[in-house]
Amino acid sequence: MSKDLHRNTPVPLKVNGKSMTTPAININTKLLVPLKEVLDSVGAMVKINESFTTATVRMNDFSFEIASGETQVTISEPVSMTLWLDHPVLFEEDELFVSVRLALTVLKAKLGREAESGIVTIETLPEKDLKVTSPAFDAWGNIPHKFVQHSVGGENISLPIKWTGTPTNTKSFAVVVYDAHVLPEYWVHWAVVNIDSNTLEMPENAAERLTGQQIKPYYGMQPAELTGDHAYQIAVYALDIERVEIPNQVVFFEDIAPILESHTLASGTLVSFFQG
C-alpha cells in the first residue's frame, strides 16, 4: 500500500454482520471501502477488468461502471442518478476502493459501528421498519444549507421529518439525529423524546417551539473541513412507553440508543449527507 501522510489507521469493516477481510482505507477520515468485497457480500455481480482499473457492477435494482481515479459515478436505477464522490476511486492491492457514500447509496444502507472494537458496519435498511422521510431532501441525498450551522452557510433551522408504519400499540416516539462519520464519534445533533403517539411528523423548525422534550437541542450540521461527506442519520423510534427518562446528558448516540432500543417496537432511519 502506498504511503500517504494524510492516512489514518485502516478501519475494520462488516457488511450485514459479515466481516470483510479487507479494511476500509481512512484518508483524512474519509472512508473508502473495498468495492468488490463489499458488493460481492450482498450478491452483486462485480467484474473488474484485467488491469484492475475499471469495475462493472450489476444487481437486481442497480448497475454502474466505475474506474480508478474517477470522482463521480452514474447509477442506473428506476431513475438514473449521478453521484459525486468525496474522494477519487483508488486502486490498491488488486482492489478498487470507493467512497463509503457510494456503498450506502446503492445498498440503501446505514452506517454504524461497534464502539468497543472500532468496527464500522454497513447495514441495509429493513423494508418492514418505520419509513422515515423528509419533504426537504431525498434519502441518501444532500441536506440543504438552511438546516446546517451558520458557520458553514446555514440558518440552523431544524429539519422536517415524517414517518409511517407505526405499530398499533405505540405509546410514544423519539427522534435522534446524529453524525455517523468516524470523526465526531456519532455526535448527536438533535434528540427529542416523549412525542405523542398520534404525531407522525416534525415540521420544519419544530425545535424552536418544543419545550421539555428536547434532551439535546437542535444543533445544525457543521462537519470539519476536508473530512468529506458526513452521513447524518435520522432515527425514529416507536416506543412501548409514554415517557422515557434519559438520566444523563446526551452527547453521543451511544448515550441514548440503548435506552430507546430497550423500549422499541419499531424503528427506521433516514440517511442523508452534508460535506465538510
Protein backbone atom coordinates (compact mmCIF):
# COMPACT_ATOMS: atom_id res chain seq x y z
CA MET A 1 0.00 0.00 0.00
CA SER A 2 1.38 3.39 -0.95
CA LYS A 3 2.48 5.85 1.70
CA ASP A 4 0.29 8.86 2.40
CA LEU A 5 0.88 11.29 5.27
CA HIS A 6 -2.84 12.06 5.44
CA ARG A 7 -3.87 8.48 6.08
CA ASN A 8 -5.29 7.39 9.39
CA THR A 9 -5.39 3.86 10.75
CA PRO A 10 -7.32 1.47 8.46
CA VAL A 11 -10.81 0.66 9.75
CA PRO A 12 -12.16 -2.90 10.14
CA LEU A 13 -15.46 -3.37 8.34
CA LYS A 14 -18.62 -5.51 8.49
CA VAL A 15 -21.43 -5.66 5.95
CA ASN A 16 -24.74 -7.03 7.25
CA GLY A 17 -22.87 -8.75 10.06
CA LYS A 18 -20.20 -10.32 7.85
CA SER A 19 -16.58 -9.33 8.48
CA MET A 20 -14.67 -8.09 5.43
CA THR A 21 -11.12 -9.40 5.07
CA THR A 22 -10.01 -6.04 3.66
CA PRO A 23 -10.32 -3.00 5.97
CA ALA A 24 -11.59 0.37 4.85
CA ILE A 25 -9.00 2.97 3.92
CA ASN A 26 -9.17 6.09 6.09
CA ILE A 27 -7.86 9.27 4.44
CA ASN A 28 -8.46 12.48 6.43
CA THR A 29 -11.35 10.48 7.95
CA LYS A 30 -12.84 9.88 4.50
CA LEU A 31 -13.74 6.18 4.45
CA LEU A 32 -13.03 4.24 1.25
CA VAL A 33 -14.37 0.68 1.22
CA PRO A 34 -13.30 -2.30 -0.92
CA LEU A 35 -15.81 -2.24 -3.77
CA LYS A 36 -15.74 -5.87 -4.90
CA GLU A 37 -15.67 -7.47 -1.47
CA VAL A 38 -18.47 -5.28 -0.10
CA LEU A 39 -20.79 -5.75 -3.07
CA ASP A 40 -19.94 -9.44 -3.52
CA SER A 41 -21.07 -9.94 0.08
CA VAL A 42 -24.64 -8.87 -0.79
CA GLY A 43 -24.88 -10.88 -4.02
CA ALA A 44 -23.99 -8.23 -6.59
CA MET A 45 -22.12 -9.24 -9.76
CA VAL A 46 -18.83 -7.32 -9.81
CA LYS A 47 -16.48 -7.66 -12.76
CA ILE A 48 -13.09 -5.92 -12.66
CA ASN A 49 -11.04 -5.72 -15.85
CA GLU A 50 -7.61 -7.35 -16.19
CA SER A 51 -5.73 -4.16 -15.39
CA PHE A 52 -7.84 -3.62 -12.25
CA THR A 53 -8.76 -0.11 -13.38
CA THR A 54 -12.48 -0.44 -14.15
CA ALA A 55 -15.34 -2.27 -12.44
CA THR A 56 -18.80 -3.10 -13.75
CA VAL A 57 -21.42 -3.75 -11.08
CA ARG A 58 -24.88 -5.24 -11.52
CA MET A 59 -27.58 -6.17 -9.03
CA ASN A 60 -31.36 -6.51 -9.20
CA ASP A 61 -32.17 -2.82 -8.84
CA PHE A 62 -28.97 -1.01 -9.81
CA SER A 63 -25.94 -1.11 -12.07
CA PHE A 64 -22.95 1.14 -12.70
CA GLU A 65 -19.44 1.27 -14.09
CA ILE A 66 -16.61 2.99 -12.28
CA ALA A 67 -12.89 3.48 -12.89
CA SER A 68 -9.82 4.26 -10.84
CA GLY A 69 -9.34 7.99 -10.36
CA GLU A 70 -12.97 8.92 -11.00
CA THR A 71 -14.85 11.26 -8.67
CA GLN A 72 -18.36 10.62 -9.97
CA VAL A 73 -20.47 7.65 -10.96
CA THR A 74 -23.77 7.32 -12.81
CA ILE A 75 -26.01 4.73 -11.19
CA SER A 76 -28.78 3.15 -13.25
CA GLU A 77 -31.84 2.57 -11.09
CA PRO A 78 -35.52 3.01 -11.93
CA VAL A 79 -34.30 6.61 -12.38
CA SER A 80 -30.69 7.25 -13.37
CA MET A 81 -28.65 9.41 -10.97
CA THR A 82 -25.13 10.81 -10.89
CA LEU A 83 -23.31 10.68 -7.57
CA TRP A 84 -20.27 12.84 -6.80
CA LEU A 85 -17.70 11.10 -4.61
CA ASP A 86 -15.74 12.81 -1.83
CA HIS A 87 -12.50 11.08 -2.88
CA PRO A 88 -11.23 9.65 -6.19
CA VAL A 89 -11.56 5.89 -6.61
CA LEU A 90 -8.32 4.18 -5.55
CA PHE A 91 -6.73 1.00 -6.93
CA GLU A 92 -4.63 -0.81 -4.33
CA GLU A 93 -3.80 -4.45 -3.60
CA ASP A 94 -5.86 -5.74 -6.54
CA GLU A 95 -9.00 -3.94 -5.33
CA LEU A 96 -10.83 -0.73 -6.12
CA PHE A 97 -11.69 1.38 -3.07
CA VAL A 98 -14.68 3.73 -3.28
CA SER A 99 -16.30 6.30 -1.01
CA VAL A 100 -18.49 4.68 1.63
CA ARG A 101 -21.26 7.00 0.41
CA LEU A 102 -21.48 5.00 -2.82
CA ALA A 103 -21.91 1.74 -0.90
CA LEU A 104 -24.58 3.22 1.39
CA THR A 105 -26.49 4.70 -1.56
CA VAL A 106 -26.65 1.65 -3.81
CA LEU A 107 -27.29 -0.76 -0.93
CA LYS A 108 -29.91 1.51 0.72
CA ALA A 109 -27.94 1.13 3.92
CA LYS A 110 -26.98 2.96 7.09
CA LEU A 111 -23.59 3.37 8.71
CA GLY A 112 -22.92 2.01 12.17
CA ARG A 113 -20.11 0.98 14.45
CA GLU A 114 -19.26 -1.44 17.20
CA ALA A 115 -17.93 1.04 19.72
CA GLU A 116 -15.64 -1.24 21.76
CA SER A 117 -13.95 -2.90 18.77
CA GLY A 118 -13.93 0.12 16.45
CA ILE A 119 -15.50 -1.91 13.64
CA VAL A 120 -17.53 0.14 11.15
CA THR A 121 -20.73 -1.53 9.96
CA ILE A 122 -22.83 -1.16 6.83
CA GLU A 123 -26.38 -2.45 7.27
CA THR A 124 -29.09 -2.49 4.64
CA LEU A 125 -32.33 -0.98 5.96
CA PRO A 126 -35.16 -3.50 6.53
CA GLU A 127 -38.21 -2.81 4.35
CA LYS A 128 -40.63 -3.59 7.20
CA ASP A 129 -39.28 -0.97 9.62
CA LEU A 130 -40.68 2.51 10.05
CA LYS A 131 -40.25 4.51 6.86
CA VAL A 132 -38.61 7.85 7.65
CA THR A 133 -38.65 10.63 5.04
CA SER A 134 -38.18 14.37 4.75
CA PRO A 135 -40.05 16.74 2.42
CA ALA A 136 -36.84 18.80 2.17
CA PHE A 137 -34.38 16.20 0.78
CA ASP A 138 -34.17 12.65 -0.54
CA ALA A 139 -32.85 9.58 1.23
CA TRP A 140 -29.08 9.31 0.62
CA GLY A 141 -29.31 12.82 -0.86
CA ASN A 142 -27.83 16.12 0.28
CA ILE A 143 -29.13 18.16 3.22
CA PRO A 144 -29.95 21.74 2.14
CA HIS A 145 -27.82 24.50 3.64
CA LYS A 146 -30.68 26.10 5.60
CA PHE A 147 -30.57 23.23 8.11
CA VAL A 148 -26.84 23.47 8.90
CA GLN A 149 -24.84 25.78 11.16
CA HIS A 150 -24.33 29.46 10.35
CA SER A 151 -20.57 28.88 10.21
CA VAL A 152 -21.00 26.69 7.11
CA GLY A 153 -23.58 28.90 5.41
CA GLY A 154 -26.79 27.71 7.05
CA GLU A 155 -29.67 29.05 9.15
CA ASN A 156 -29.54 26.36 11.89
CA ILE A 157 -33.23 25.51 11.38
CA SER A 158 -34.31 22.04 12.49
CA LEU A 159 -35.08 19.81 9.54
CA PRO A 160 -38.57 18.42 8.76
CA ILE A 161 -39.17 14.70 9.32
CA LYS A 162 -42.11 12.37 8.61
CA TRP A 163 -42.64 8.70 9.38
CA THR A 164 -45.12 5.93 8.55
CA GLY A 165 -45.63 2.29 9.52
CA THR A 166 -46.43 2.81 13.19
CA PRO A 167 -47.26 -0.33 15.23
CA THR A 168 -50.78 -0.23 16.69
CA ASN A 169 -49.60 -0.36 20.33
CA THR A 170 -47.14 2.54 20.07
CA LYS A 171 -47.23 4.78 23.17
CA SER A 172 -44.75 7.48 22.06
CA PHE A 173 -41.99 8.33 19.59
CA ALA A 174 -38.41 9.50 19.87
CA VAL A 175 -36.26 11.17 17.22
CA VAL A 176 -32.45 11.25 17.21
CA VAL A 177 -30.33 12.98 14.55
CA TYR A 178 -26.65 12.05 14.68
CA ASP A 179 -23.46 12.20 12.62
CA ALA A 180 -22.34 8.69 11.64
CA HIS A 181 -18.96 9.87 10.33
CA VAL A 182 -15.92 8.36 12.08
CA LEU A 183 -14.50 11.73 13.19
CA PRO A 184 -17.24 13.03 15.59
CA GLU A 185 -17.85 9.56 17.07
CA TYR A 186 -21.61 9.62 16.45
CA TRP A 187 -22.25 13.05 17.89
CA VAL A 188 -25.95 13.81 18.41
CA HIS A 189 -27.32 16.92 16.66
CA TRP A 190 -30.89 16.65 17.96
CA ALA A 191 -32.75 14.35 20.32
CA VAL A 192 -36.47 14.59 21.09
CA VAL A 193 -38.41 12.16 23.29
CA ASN A 194 -41.96 11.70 24.56
CA ILE A 195 -43.54 12.62 21.24
CA ASP A 196 -47.28 11.87 21.26
CA SER A 197 -48.24 8.59 19.58
CA ASN A 198 -50.63 10.42 17.23
CA THR A 199 -47.81 12.59 15.90
CA LEU A 200 -46.32 11.43 12.61
CA GLU A 201 -44.04 14.32 11.73
CA MET A 202 -41.76 17.06 12.97
CA PRO A 203 -42.30 20.13 10.77
CA GLU A 204 -39.50 22.42 9.72
CA ASN A 205 -38.12 24.49 12.61
CA ALA A 206 -40.08 22.45 15.17
CA ALA A 207 -37.15 22.77 17.59
CA GLU A 208 -38.00 26.43 18.12
CA ARG A 209 -41.43 25.52 19.52
CA LEU A 210 -40.65 22.38 21.51
CA THR A 211 -40.45 22.68 25.29
CA GLY A 212 -39.32 19.99 27.70
CA GLN A 213 -38.96 17.21 25.11
CA GLN A 214 -35.58 18.11 23.67
CA ILE A 215 -32.91 16.27 25.58
CA LYS A 216 -30.41 17.63 23.05
CA PRO A 217 -31.44 20.97 21.45
CA TYR A 218 -31.08 21.19 17.69
CA TYR A 219 -27.55 21.95 16.51
CA GLY A 220 -27.17 22.08 12.73
CA MET A 221 -24.57 20.13 10.81
CA GLN A 222 -21.02 21.51 10.92
CA PRO A 223 -18.56 18.98 9.50
CA ALA A 224 -14.85 19.67 9.80
CA GLU A 225 -13.15 20.98 6.67
CA LEU A 226 -11.70 18.38 4.27
CA THR A 227 -13.36 15.44 6.04
CA GLY A 228 -15.65 14.68 3.11
CA ASP A 229 -19.25 13.53 3.08
CA HIS A 230 -20.70 13.00 6.55
CA ALA A 231 -23.61 10.57 6.81
CA TYR A 232 -26.24 12.22 9.01
CA GLN A 233 -28.76 9.67 10.18
CA ILE A 234 -32.25 10.49 11.40
CA ALA A 235 -33.53 7.66 13.59
CA VAL A 236 -37.19 7.46 14.64
CA TYR A 237 -38.30 5.05 17.35
CA ALA A 238 -41.84 3.83 18.09
CA LEU A 239 -41.80 3.06 21.83
CA ASP A 240 -43.91 0.92 24.15
CA ILE A 241 -43.99 3.57 26.91
CA GLU A 242 -45.48 7.07 27.04
CA ARG A 243 -42.48 8.65 28.73
CA VAL A 244 -38.85 7.67 28.60
CA GLU A 245 -36.36 9.00 31.12
CA ILE A 246 -32.81 9.74 29.96
CA PRO A 247 -30.66 10.03 33.11
CA ASN A 248 -27.61 11.74 31.64
CA GLN A 249 -26.85 14.46 29.14
CA VAL A 250 -26.97 13.20 25.55
CA VAL A 251 -23.77 13.89 23.60
CA PHE A 252 -23.14 10.74 21.60
CA PHE A 253 -25.53 8.25 20.02
CA GLU A 254 -24.40 5.54 22.44
CA ASP A 255 -25.71 7.72 25.32
CA ILE A 256 -29.31 7.30 24.21
CA ALA A 257 -29.63 4.43 21.73
CA PRO A 258 -29.55 1.52 24.25
CA ILE A 259 -32.27 3.16 26.38
CA LEU A 260 -34.55 3.72 23.41
CA GLU A 261 -33.87 0.31 21.92
CA SER A 262 -34.95 -1.41 25.15
CA HIS A 263 -38.46 0.02 24.57
CA THR A 264 -38.57 -0.06 20.77
CA LEU A 265 -41.46 -1.66 18.89
CA ALA A 266 -40.20 -0.48 15.52
CA SER A 267 -37.63 1.98 14.23
CA GLY A 268 -36.43 3.47 10.98
CA THR A 269 -33.55 5.57 9.71
CA LEU A 270 -33.23 8.25 7.05
CA VAL A 271 -29.65 8.63 5.78
CA SER A 272 -28.52 11.89 4.19
CA PHE A 273 -25.27 13.77 3.63
CA PHE A 274 -23.53 17.10 4.04
CA GLN A 275 -19.91 17.67 3.09
CA GLY A 276 -17.08 19.08 5.13
